[in-house]
């Protein structure tokens, strides 16, 4: 049985082998001779004969490539030359930046950019500014020295002015004391001689003295004259009375330095002259305005009078703050003292 099986297999194998010229055999051969994709293609033997020449188009392309290479080389040479000239002028171009391929070259470019023409100009500016600052310091020092000298001169002049003012004040005080002594010495209690009365306004010769019977008419004339004097001196005769012994004048005296009427300071006092001119030609002063200070003001007018009286009192000499008798020849000095006190009250 075993032999029969082997024979059978042989017969089967023979039967499976295709014939040489059959289509199956040709397919089998093609399958055996097919090249594997994993294997390299077999090298073909070189062909015999002259190699075929390249087409004309390829030759023209080679020439263009060569020309482009020469143009690029020339351009690179020009760029290098321009870069060299730019570096000599301290200017870094874009080509220099692109040409820097190493850290050392980049560092060199940065170092060249650190010190540029602007830095040089800035350094020159700093030097000139420092020089100008030094000059300005010297000029300021000179001005300060001159200012100190002028200030010293001003201080010296101020001290001299103050000294002169003090001397003037002392002289005025001495003059006031002399006037006070003069008035005290010429009062009726200390005079023994007899004088006849001479009109201070309408002066007449000695042989034409006013008789006591004509005194009233003469004083009317003087009243008109006082109206004019009021405009010039600030003195107004408010009231005029005559009793058995005296002629009484109520006087309103105003300051003369005020620019506006509201700034005027006014006081009221009395002047009296004895009717017996041959016995005594003196004037008696009564400061009525000071008597009002001790009374309470009942209205705005009286309050204003009290205010003016208080202001003037601070500038009056002591002998004018009380009743006083003096010769009519000293009436001008009396007026000067009161006017000075009134004007000082306005200024203060």
Protein backbone atom coordinates (compact mmCIF):
# COMPACT_ATOMS: atom_id res chain seq x y z
CA UNK A 1 0.00 0.00 0.00
CA UNK A 2 2.89 2.27 0.71
CA UNK A 3 4.34 1.92 -2.71
CA UNK A 4 1.14 2.63 -4.30
CA UNK A 5 0.93 5.97 -2.39
CA UNK A 6 4.40 7.08 -3.49
CA UNK A 7 3.68 6.30 -7.02
CA UNK A 8 0.54 8.17 -6.77
CA UNK A 9 2.35 11.25 -5.47
CA UNK A 10 4.87 11.02 -8.26
CA UNK A 11 2.20 10.85 -10.74
CA UNK A 12 0.60 13.86 -9.14
CA UNK A 13 3.78 15.92 -9.21
CA UNK A 14 4.35 15.11 -12.78
CA UNK A 15 0.94 16.11 -13.62
CA UNK A 16 1.29 19.51 -11.80
CA UNK A 17 4.43 20.54 -13.77
CA UNK A 18 3.33 22.61 -16.77
CA UNK A 19 4.68 22.18 -20.18
CA UNK A 20 7.47 24.33 -21.58
CA UNK A 21 5.37 26.21 -24.09
CA UNK A 22 2.19 26.34 -22.12
CA UNK A 23 0.78 29.61 -20.84
CA UNK A 24 1.05 28.43 -17.30
CA UNK A 25 4.76 27.87 -17.64
CA UNK A 26 5.27 31.33 -19.04
CA UNK A 27 3.41 32.85 -16.10
CA UNK A 28 5.53 30.86 -13.72
CA UNK A 29 8.73 32.05 -15.33
CA UNK A 30 7.61 35.66 -15.20
CA UNK A 31 6.79 35.25 -11.54
CA UNK A 32 10.25 33.82 -10.80
CA UNK A 33 12.09 36.52 -12.80
CA UNK A 34 10.10 39.45 -11.33
CA UNK A 35 12.32 41.90 -9.35
CA UNK A 36 11.46 42.42 -5.67
CA UNK A 37 10.79 45.93 -4.49
CA UNK A 38 13.17 45.36 -1.60
CA UNK A 39 16.06 44.50 -3.90
CA UNK A 40 17.99 47.13 -5.89
CA UNK A 41 17.49 47.15 -9.58
CA UNK A 42 20.34 45.43 -11.45
CA UNK A 43 22.85 47.75 -13.08
CA UNK A 44 22.66 47.83 -16.82
CA UNK A 45 25.91 47.60 -18.72
CA UNK A 46 27.08 50.89 -20.26
CA UNK A 47 26.05 51.42 -23.77
CA UNK A 48 28.65 51.54 -26.41
CA UNK A 49 29.26 54.44 -28.75
CA UNK A 50 29.44 58.32 -28.34
CA UNK A 51 27.31 59.89 -25.61
CA UNK A 52 24.46 61.90 -26.77
CA UNK A 53 25.08 65.64 -26.63
CA UNK A 54 22.95 67.81 -24.23
CA UNK A 55 20.20 69.87 -25.74
CA UNK A 56 20.84 73.53 -26.59
CA UNK A 57 18.41 74.66 -23.90
CA UNK A 58 20.52 73.01 -21.20
CA UNK A 59 23.65 74.69 -22.54
CA UNK A 60 21.98 78.14 -22.34
CA UNK A 61 20.91 77.45 -18.74
CA UNK A 62 24.49 76.65 -17.75
CA UNK A 63 25.70 79.91 -19.28
CA UNK A 64 23.01 81.87 -17.39
CA UNK A 65 23.99 80.15 -14.14
CA UNK A 66 27.63 81.04 -14.68
CA UNK A 67 26.69 84.65 -15.45
CA UNK A 68 24.56 84.81 -12.30
CA UNK A 69 27.45 83.48 -10.24
CA UNK A 70 29.79 86.14 -11.65
CA UNK A 71 27.17 88.87 -10.99
CA UNK A 72 26.71 87.65 -7.42
CA UNK A 73 30.46 87.67 -6.85
CA UNK A 74 30.75 91.21 -8.21
CA UNK A 75 27.80 92.34 -6.07
CA UNK A 76 29.35 90.76 -2.98
CA UNK A 77 32.62 92.55 -3.74
CA UNK A 78 30.80 95.87 -4.10
CA UNK A 79 28.92 95.24 -0.83
CA UNK A 80 32.16 94.44 0.95
CA UNK A 81 33.75 97.60 -0.43
CA UNK A 82 30.72 99.70 0.62
CA UNK A 83 30.74 98.05 4.03
CA UNK A 84 34.41 98.85 4.44
CA UNK A 85 33.81 102.50 3.54
CA UNK A 86 30.78 102.58 5.81
CA UNK A 87 32.75 101.11 8.68
CA UNK A 88 35.42 103.71 8.09
CA UNK A 89 32.70 106.38 8.47
CA UNK A 90 31.29 104.73 11.58
CA UNK A 91 28.07 103.54 9.89
CA UNK A 92 26.81 99.96 10.15
CA UNK A 93 24.80 98.77 7.16
CA UNK A 94 22.32 95.97 6.82
CA UNK A 95 24.85 93.99 4.82
CA UNK A 96 27.28 94.14 7.73
CA UNK A 97 24.64 92.77 10.05
CA UNK A 98 23.80 89.90 7.68
CA UNK A 99 27.49 89.18 7.17
CA UNK A 100 28.04 88.72 10.92
CA UNK A 101 27.82 84.95 11.33
CA UNK A 102 29.82 84.48 14.53
CA UNK A 103 29.37 85.87 18.05
CA UNK A 104 32.69 87.67 17.76
CA UNK A 105 31.53 89.54 14.66
CA UNK A 106 28.23 90.47 16.31
CA UNK A 107 30.12 91.71 19.37
CA UNK A 108 32.38 93.80 17.15
CA UNK A 109 29.35 95.38 15.47
CA UNK A 110 27.77 96.22 18.84
CA UNK A 111 31.05 97.69 20.06
CA UNK A 112 31.26 99.88 16.97
CA UNK A 113 27.70 101.05 17.56
CA UNK A 114 28.45 102.06 21.16
CA UNK A 115 30.69 104.96 20.15
CA UNK A 116 29.08 106.85 17.27
CA UNK A 117 29.10 110.40 15.99
CA UNK A 118 26.14 111.22 18.24
CA UNK A 119 28.19 110.19 21.25
CA UNK A 120 30.97 112.47 20.11
CA UNK A 121 28.52 115.35 19.69
CA UNK A 122 27.02 114.63 23.09
CA UNK A 123 30.46 114.63 24.66
CA UNK A 124 31.22 117.97 23.01
CA UNK A 125 27.90 119.30 24.28
CA UNK A 126 28.73 118.18 27.81
CA UNK A 127 32.10 119.88 27.67
CA UNK A 128 30.60 123.13 26.38
CA UNK A 129 27.84 122.95 28.99
CA UNK A 130 30.38 122.47 31.75
CA UNK A 131 32.41 125.39 30.43
CA UNK A 132 29.31 127.59 30.23
CA UNK A 133 28.29 126.55 33.73
CA UNK A 134 31.69 127.57 35.04
CA UNK A 135 31.36 130.97 33.33
CA UNK A 136 27.87 131.39 34.75
CA UNK A 137 29.14 130.57 38.23
CA UNK A 138 31.79 133.27 37.93
CA UNK A 139 29.21 135.78 36.65
CA UNK A 140 26.80 134.93 39.45
CA UNK A 141 29.56 135.31 42.01
CA UNK A 142 30.40 138.76 40.59
CA UNK A 143 26.74 139.80 40.70
CA UNK A 144 26.42 138.51 44.27
CA UNK A 145 29.49 140.51 45.30
CA UNK A 146 28.13 143.69 43.70
CA UNK A 147 24.74 143.05 45.30
CA UNK A 148 26.36 142.70 48.72
CA UNK A 149 28.23 145.97 48.19
CA UNK A 150 25.04 147.78 47.17
CA UNK A 151 23.17 146.25 50.10
CA UNK A 152 25.89 147.50 52.44
CA UNK A 153 25.52 150.98 50.95
CA UNK A 154 21.75 150.82 51.38
CA UNK A 155 22.12 149.73 55.01
CA UNK A 156 24.56 152.58 55.65
CA UNK A 157 22.19 155.12 54.10
CA UNK A 158 19.28 153.69 56.09
CA UNK A 159 21.24 154.09 59.32
CA UNK A 160 22.14 157.65 58.39
CA UNK A 161 18.51 158.45 57.62
CA UNK A 162 17.44 156.96 60.93
CA UNK A 163 20.03 159.03 62.77
CA UNK A 164 18.89 162.18 60.99
CA UNK A 165 15.28 161.42 61.85
CA UNK A 166 16.22 160.93 65.49
CA UNK A 167 18.14 164.21 65.49
CA UNK A 168 15.17 165.96 63.88
CA UNK A 169 12.80 164.54 66.49
CA UNK A 170 15.11 165.68 69.29
CA UNK A 171 15.35 169.15 67.74
CA UNK A 172 11.56 169.36 67.52
CA UNK A 173 11.25 168.33 71.16
CA UNK A 174 13.76 170.98 72.19
CA UNK A 175 11.92 173.55 70.10
CA UNK A 176 8.63 172.60 71.74
CA UNK A 177 10.23 173.00 75.16
CA UNK A 178 11.57 176.43 74.20
CA UNK A 179 8.15 177.49 72.91
CA UNK A 180 6.50 176.25 76.08
CA UNK A 181 8.97 178.19 78.21
CA UNK A 182 8.48 181.27 76.06
CA UNK A 183 4.73 181.13 76.44
CA UNK A 184 5.07 180.62 80.19
CA UNK A 185 7.39 183.61 80.50
CA UNK A 186 5.12 185.92 78.49
CA UNK A 187 1.87 185.18 80.36
CA UNK A 188 0.13 188.13 82.06
CA UNK A 189 1.14 186.88 85.51
CA UNK A 190 4.84 187.35 84.67
CA UNK A 191 4.63 190.55 82.65
CA UNK A 192 4.61 193.91 84.33
CA UNK A 193 4.49 196.20 81.32
CA UNK A 194 1.27 197.49 79.76
CA UNK A 195 0.60 197.13 76.04
CA UNK A 196 -2.10 198.39 73.84
CA UNK A 197 -3.94 195.95 71.61
CA UNK A 198 -2.98 195.88 67.93
CA UNK A 199 -5.19 194.06 65.48
CA UNK A 200 -3.40 190.97 64.06
CA UNK A 201 -5.29 191.13 60.77
CA UNK A 202 -5.75 194.83 60.07
CA UNK A 203 -2.54 196.39 61.30
CA UNK A 204 -2.58 200.16 61.77
CA UNK A 205 0.02 202.78 62.69
CA UNK A 206 0.50 203.57 66.36
CA UNK A 207 -1.39 206.83 66.10
CA UNK A 208 -4.44 205.03 64.67
CA UNK A 209 -5.11 202.39 67.25
CA UNK A 210 -8.65 201.11 67.39
CA UNK A 211 -10.69 202.70 70.10
CA UNK A 212 -12.73 200.39 72.28
CA UNK A 213 -15.91 201.95 70.97
CA UNK A 214 -15.11 200.81 67.42
CA UNK A 215 -14.00 197.31 68.26
CA UNK A 216 -17.33 195.70 67.33
CA UNK A 217 -17.24 197.12 63.82
CA UNK A 218 -13.66 196.09 63.43
CA UNK A 219 -14.42 192.54 64.45
CA UNK A 220 -17.16 192.30 61.83
CA UNK A 221 -14.57 193.09 59.24
CA UNK A 222 -12.30 190.50 60.72
CA UNK A 223 -15.13 187.93 60.52
CA UNK A 224 -15.29 188.33 56.75
CA UNK A 225 -11.57 187.96 56.60
CA UNK A 226 -11.78 184.74 58.61
CA UNK A 227 -14.11 183.25 55.99
CA UNK A 228 -11.31 183.50 53.48
CA UNK A 229 -8.76 182.21 55.95
CA UNK A 230 -10.93 179.16 56.57
CA UNK A 231 -10.39 178.04 53.00
CA UNK A 232 -6.65 178.49 53.34
CA UNK A 233 -5.95 177.24 56.85
CA UNK A 234 -8.78 174.85 57.76
CA UNK A 235 -9.94 177.09 60.63
CA UNK A 236 -13.60 178.08 60.91
CA UNK A 237 -15.12 180.48 63.44
CA UNK A 238 -18.26 178.59 64.39
CA UNK A 239 -19.61 181.10 66.91
CA UNK A 240 -18.71 184.55 68.19
CA UNK A 241 -19.84 185.93 71.55
CA UNK A 242 -19.13 189.01 73.61
CA UNK A 243 -19.57 189.25 77.37
CA UNK A 244 -18.56 191.89 79.89
CA UNK A 245 -14.88 190.98 79.83
CA UNK A 246 -14.03 188.93 76.72
CA UNK A 247 -14.63 188.29 73.08
CA UNK A 248 -15.29 184.54 72.72
CA UNK A 249 -14.62 182.56 69.54
CA UNK A 250 -15.72 178.94 69.07
CA UNK A 251 -13.16 177.54 66.62
CA UNK A 252 -13.38 174.43 64.47
CA UNK A 253 -9.93 173.35 63.31
CA UNK A 254 -9.51 170.67 60.55
CA UNK A 255 -6.51 168.88 59.07
CA UNK A 256 -5.17 170.05 55.70
CA UNK A 257 -3.32 167.00 54.33
CA UNK A 258 -6.31 164.69 53.71
CA UNK A 259 -7.29 163.99 50.12
CA UNK A 260 -10.90 163.10 50.90
CA UNK A 261 -13.36 164.73 53.26
CA UNK A 262 -13.95 161.45 55.09
CA UNK A 263 -10.27 161.38 56.11
CA UNK A 264 -10.35 164.84 57.70
CA UNK A 265 -9.71 165.06 61.45
CA UNK A 266 -11.47 167.96 63.23
CA UNK A 267 -11.36 169.37 66.75
CA UNK A 268 -13.19 172.23 68.47
CA UNK A 269 -11.75 174.68 70.97
CA UNK A 270 -12.35 178.21 72.28
CA UNK A 271 -10.27 181.34 71.99
CA UNK A 272 -11.01 184.40 74.08
CA UNK A 273 -9.59 187.91 74.01
CA UNK A 274 -10.09 190.40 76.83
CA UNK A 275 -11.98 193.55 76.00
CA UNK A 276 -9.57 195.75 77.94
CA UNK A 277 -6.82 195.83 75.32
CA UNK A 278 -4.71 198.35 77.15
CA UNK A 279 -4.48 196.09 80.19
CA UNK A 280 -3.95 192.74 78.49
CA UNK A 281 -3.58 191.77 74.82
CA UNK A 282 -3.52 188.02 75.38
CA UNK A 283 -5.35 185.01 73.94
CA UNK A 284 -6.79 182.27 76.14
CA UNK A 285 -7.07 178.74 74.69
CA UNK A 286 -9.63 176.26 76.09
CA UNK A 287 -9.48 172.66 74.64
CA UNK A 288 -13.21 171.93 74.62
CA UNK A 289 -12.74 168.78 72.48
CA UNK A 290 -10.85 167.04 75.32
CA UNK A 291 -13.71 167.63 77.75
CA UNK A 292 -15.97 165.52 75.53
CA UNK A 293 -13.82 162.42 75.98
CA UNK A 294 -15.11 161.95 79.52
CA UNK A 295 -18.72 161.96 78.31
CA UNK A 296 -20.59 159.14 76.64
CA UNK A 297 -21.50 159.70 72.99
CA UNK A 298 -25.25 160.01 72.44
CA UNK A 299 -25.24 160.01 68.63
CA UNK A 300 -22.99 159.25 65.66
CA UNK A 301 -21.81 162.85 65.35
CA UNK A 302 -20.64 162.99 68.94
CA UNK A 303 -18.99 159.58 68.57
CA UNK A 304 -17.03 160.85 65.53
CA UNK A 305 -15.95 163.93 67.50
CA UNK A 306 -14.72 161.77 70.37
CA UNK A 307 -12.80 159.58 67.96
CA UNK A 308 -11.03 162.56 66.36
CA UNK A 309 -10.28 164.03 69.79
CA UNK A 310 -8.66 160.79 70.96
CA UNK A 311 -6.51 160.64 67.82
CA UNK A 312 -5.31 164.24 68.15
CA UNK A 313 -4.60 163.95 71.87
CA UNK A 314 -1.86 161.39 71.23
CA UNK A 315 0.05 163.97 69.12
CA UNK A 316 -0.53 167.10 71.20
CA UNK A 317 2.11 168.54 73.54
CA UNK A 318 1.18 168.41 77.20
CA UNK A 319 0.72 172.17 77.53
CA UNK A 320 -1.91 172.14 74.73
CA UNK A 321 -4.00 169.51 76.52
CA UNK A 322 -5.12 172.08 79.08
CA UNK A 323 -6.20 175.71 79.12
CA UNK A 324 -3.44 178.13 78.19
CA UNK A 325 -2.99 181.89 77.94
CA UNK A 326 -0.44 183.33 75.55
CA UNK A 327 0.23 186.65 73.76
CA UNK A 328 -1.49 187.15 70.46
CA UNK A 329 1.95 187.44 68.80
CA UNK A 330 2.40 183.71 69.47
CA UNK A 331 -0.90 182.85 67.79
CA UNK A 332 0.90 181.68 64.65
CA UNK A 333 3.01 179.23 66.67
CA UNK A 334 -0.16 178.01 68.37
CA UNK A 335 -1.79 177.38 65.00
CA UNK A 336 1.32 175.57 63.73
CA UNK A 337 1.34 173.19 66.71
CA UNK A 338 -2.33 172.30 66.37
CA UNK A 339 -2.10 171.85 62.59
CA UNK A 340 0.91 169.58 62.98
CA UNK A 341 -0.93 167.41 65.52
CA UNK A 342 -4.00 167.18 63.25
CA UNK A 343 -1.99 166.21 60.17
CA UNK A 344 -0.01 163.61 62.11
CA UNK A 345 -3.31 162.11 63.27
CA UNK A 346 -4.42 161.71 59.65
CA UNK A 347 -1.14 160.04 58.63
CA UNK A 348 -1.22 157.60 61.54
